[in-house]
Amino acid sequence: MNKIAKRLVAGASTAAVAAALAVAAAAPASAASLAAWDRTGFSGTKLVDSATANAVIDVVNDRTRSARNTLSFGYSARNTVSWWSVEVAYFPSGYELSSFGGANDTVDHFDRVG
């Protein structure tokens, strides 16, 4: 490899490392979100991981088995029944539920409370 090529490779590597460090420094250590999984114990497939406190956070119907809310708002886990929905569980900010128990696989969406 000639000298110019070596300098280009070294410069590109340095720039890539600097860019990666800048992105890592800009990212928050732990972002708040409402997350739900299709298995108990916060495992399996993550069905939703919303960092935005939307009025309604939709999830795949009837698959949620665990959830965690670290957003600043409370959320009501809801099951749609005909034209209305009923509350399965209430998730205040900072609340997590590793299993919905008998209500596993019933949540259709989360409604923001407050």
Protein backbone atom coordinates (compact mmCIF):
# COMPACT_ATOMS: atom_id res chain seq x y z
CA MET A 1 0.00 0.00 0.00
CA ASN A 2 1.40 3.40 -0.85
CA LYS A 3 1.72 6.28 1.62
CA ILE A 4 -1.29 8.21 0.34
CA ALA A 5 -3.62 5.18 0.62
CA LYS A 6 -2.38 4.46 4.16
CA ARG A 7 -3.09 8.06 5.18
CA LEU A 8 -6.60 7.93 3.67
CA VAL A 9 -7.43 4.68 5.52
CA ALA A 10 -6.06 6.05 8.81
CA GLY A 11 -7.98 9.31 8.37
CA ALA A 12 -11.23 7.51 7.53
CA SER A 13 -10.85 5.25 10.58
CA THR A 14 -10.24 8.22 12.87
CA ALA A 15 -13.26 10.05 11.45
CA ALA A 16 -15.50 6.99 11.90
CA VAL A 17 -14.44 6.54 15.53
CA ALA A 18 -14.96 10.26 16.24
CA ALA A 19 -18.43 10.17 14.67
CA ALA A 20 -19.42 7.08 16.69
CA LEU A 21 -18.24 8.72 19.92
CA ALA A 22 -20.18 11.90 19.13
CA VAL A 23 -23.39 9.91 18.55
CA ALA A 24 -22.86 7.91 21.75
CA ALA A 25 -22.27 11.09 23.77
CA ALA A 26 -25.43 12.70 22.35
CA ALA A 27 -27.68 9.71 23.13
CA PRO A 28 -29.32 9.71 26.57
CA ALA A 29 -28.15 7.00 28.97
CA SER A 30 -31.66 5.66 29.44
CA ALA A 31 -34.57 7.13 27.53
CA ALA A 32 -38.04 7.08 29.06
CA SER A 33 -40.58 4.95 27.21
CA LEU A 34 -43.61 2.73 27.42
CA ALA A 35 -42.57 -0.76 26.36
CA ALA A 36 -44.53 -4.01 26.11
CA TRP A 37 -43.41 -7.58 25.39
CA ASP A 38 -45.18 -10.74 24.24
CA ARG A 39 -43.63 -12.85 27.03
CA THR A 40 -43.66 -12.52 30.80
CA GLY A 41 -40.64 -11.08 32.56
CA PHE A 42 -39.96 -8.42 29.88
CA SER A 43 -38.72 -11.00 27.39
CA GLY A 44 -39.62 -12.29 23.96
CA THR A 45 -40.55 -9.89 21.18
CA LYS A 46 -40.87 -6.22 22.08
CA LEU A 47 -44.29 -5.22 20.76
CA VAL A 48 -43.90 -1.48 21.37
CA ASP A 49 -41.23 0.86 22.70
CA SER A 50 -42.66 4.38 22.49
CA ALA A 51 -40.53 7.23 23.75
CA THR A 52 -43.37 9.64 22.91
CA ALA A 53 -46.19 10.16 25.40
CA ASN A 54 -48.94 9.80 22.79
CA ALA A 55 -52.62 9.85 23.82
CA VAL A 56 -52.92 6.24 22.58
CA ILE A 57 -50.10 3.74 22.15
CA ASP A 58 -51.28 0.83 20.05
CA VAL A 59 -49.95 -2.72 20.45
CA VAL A 60 -50.63 -5.93 18.55
CA ASN A 61 -54.02 -7.13 19.78
CA ASP A 62 -54.09 -9.81 22.47
CA ARG A 63 -50.35 -10.52 22.73
CA THR A 64 -49.04 -8.36 25.62
CA ARG A 65 -47.81 -10.27 28.69
CA SER A 66 -45.49 -7.73 30.37
CA ALA A 67 -45.03 -3.96 30.23
CA ARG A 68 -42.95 -1.13 31.70
CA ASN A 69 -43.80 2.60 31.84
CA THR A 70 -40.96 5.05 32.44
CA LEU A 71 -42.71 8.00 30.75
CA SER A 72 -43.87 10.94 32.88
CA PHE A 73 -47.57 10.08 32.33
CA GLY A 74 -49.68 7.20 33.58
CA TYR A 75 -51.18 4.75 31.08
CA SER A 76 -54.25 2.54 31.17
CA ALA A 77 -53.76 -0.87 29.49
CA ARG A 78 -57.06 -1.44 27.66
CA ASN A 79 -58.91 -4.36 26.08
CA THR A 80 -61.34 -3.46 23.32
CA VAL A 81 -64.72 -5.09 23.81
CA SER A 82 -67.24 -4.39 21.05
CA TRP A 83 -67.48 -0.56 20.76
CA TRP A 84 -65.77 0.31 24.05
CA SER A 85 -62.70 -0.71 26.00
CA VAL A 86 -62.13 -1.83 29.57
CA GLU A 87 -59.08 -1.27 31.75
CA VAL A 88 -56.88 -4.34 32.28
CA ALA A 89 -54.25 -2.55 34.40
CA TYR A 90 -53.17 0.98 35.28
CA PHE A 91 -49.49 1.92 34.80
CA PRO A 92 -48.48 5.08 36.66
CA SER A 93 -45.11 6.56 35.75
CA GLY A 94 -42.33 4.21 36.88
CA TYR A 95 -44.61 1.14 37.11
CA GLU A 96 -43.85 -2.22 35.54
CA LEU A 97 -45.74 -5.50 35.43
CA SER A 98 -43.81 -8.67 34.60
CA SER A 99 -47.05 -10.61 33.99
CA PHE A 100 -50.70 -9.65 33.55
CA GLY A 101 -51.66 -13.03 35.06
CA GLY A 102 -55.16 -14.03 33.97
CA ALA A 103 -55.31 -10.92 31.77
CA ASN A 104 -52.30 -11.96 29.65
CA ASP A 105 -53.02 -11.68 25.92
CA THR A 106 -55.92 -9.22 26.35
CA VAL A 107 -54.33 -5.75 25.94
CA ASP A 108 -55.07 -3.94 22.66
CA HIS A 109 -53.76 -0.43 23.43
CA PHE A 110 -52.52 1.91 26.16
CA ASP A 111 -54.39 5.18 26.81
CA ARG A 112 -52.53 8.09 28.41
CA VAL A 113 -54.00 9.24 31.73
CA GLY A 114 -53.22 12.85 32.66
